[in-house]
Amino acid sequence: FGKIKQFRGIATRYDRKPENYLAALKLASLRIWLKSYESAA
């Protein structure tokens, strides 16, 4: 969860709609996962 907080929009929750917040959370998680996947491969 600490890595996700590095994304400023998620940490401060600029998007007030739950759908937008969830979408941003998923995108940030995907970026973190892809970055770790790249370094492992």
C-alpha atoms as a PDB file:
ATOM      1  CA  PHE A   1       0.000   0.000   0.000  1.00  0.00           C
ATOM      2  CA  GLY A   2       2.951   2.278   0.610  1.00  0.00           C
ATOM      3  CA  LYS A   3       3.964   2.151  -3.046  1.00  0.00           C
ATOM      4  CA  ILE A   4       0.496   3.154  -4.151  1.00  0.00           C
ATOM      5  CA  LYS A   5       0.685   6.247  -1.945  1.00  0.00           C
ATOM      6  CA  GLN A   6       3.529   7.502  -4.134  1.00  0.00           C
ATOM      7  CA  PHE A   7       0.932   8.311  -6.765  1.00  0.00           C
ATOM      8  CA  ARG A   8      -0.184  11.768  -5.705  1.00  0.00           C
ATOM      9  CA  GLY A   9      -3.730  11.621  -7.051  1.00  0.00           C
ATOM     10  CA  ILE A  10      -4.455   8.483  -5.082  1.00  0.00           C
ATOM     11  CA  ALA A  11      -2.790   9.638  -1.910  1.00  0.00           C
ATOM     12  CA  THR A  12      -4.769  12.868  -1.829  1.00  0.00           C
ATOM     13  CA  ARG A  13      -7.841  11.370  -3.520  1.00  0.00           C
ATOM     14  CA  TYR A  14      -8.565  14.125  -6.028  1.00  0.00           C
ATOM     15  CA  ASP A  15     -11.323  12.077  -7.652  1.00  0.00           C
ATOM     16  CA  ARG A  16     -14.386  12.160  -5.446  1.00  0.00           C
ATOM     17  CA  LYS A  17     -16.362   9.559  -7.377  1.00  0.00           C
ATOM     18  CA  PRO A  18     -15.672   6.001  -6.168  1.00  0.00           C
ATOM     19  CA  GLU A  19     -15.512   4.686  -9.751  1.00  0.00           C
ATOM     20  CA  ASN A  20     -12.763   7.132 -10.687  1.00  0.00           C
ATOM     21  CA  TYR A  21     -10.832   6.421  -7.512  1.00  0.00           C
ATOM     22  CA  LEU A  22     -11.028   2.665  -8.100  1.00  0.00           C
ATOM     23  CA  ALA A  23      -9.884   3.083 -11.705  1.00  0.00           C
ATOM     24  CA  ALA A  24      -6.888   5.175 -10.613  1.00  0.00           C
ATOM     25  CA  LEU A  25      -6.077   2.619  -7.942  1.00  0.00           C
ATOM     26  CA  LYS A  26      -6.145  -0.191 -10.501  1.00  0.00           C
ATOM     27  CA  LEU A  27      -3.931   1.752 -12.913  1.00  0.00           C
ATOM     28  CA  ALA A  28      -1.385   2.507 -10.210  1.00  0.00           C
ATOM     29  CA  SER A  29      -1.377  -1.123  -9.093  1.00  0.00           C
ATOM     30  CA  LEU A  30      -0.886  -2.263 -12.674  1.00  0.00           C
ATOM     31  CA  ARG A  31       2.063   0.100 -13.131  1.00  0.00           C
ATOM     32  CA  ILE A  32       3.683  -1.186  -9.934  1.00  0.00           C
ATOM     33  CA  TRP A  33       3.090  -4.800 -10.955  1.00  0.00           C
ATOM     34  CA  LEU A  34       4.488  -4.259 -14.454  1.00  0.00           C
ATOM     35  CA  LYS A  35       7.562  -2.517 -13.062  1.00  0.00           C
ATOM     36  CA  SER A  36       8.280  -5.430 -10.719  1.00  0.00           C
ATOM     37  CA  TYR A  37       7.564  -7.930 -13.521  1.00  0.00           C
ATOM     38  CA  GLU A  38      10.053  -6.185 -15.817  1.00  0.00           C
ATOM     39  CA  SER A  39      12.810  -6.229 -13.245  1.00  0.00           C
ATOM     40  CA  ALA A  40      12.216  -9.936 -12.495  1.00  0.00           C
ATOM     41  CA  ALA A  41      12.314 -11.019 -16.154  1.00  0.00           C
END
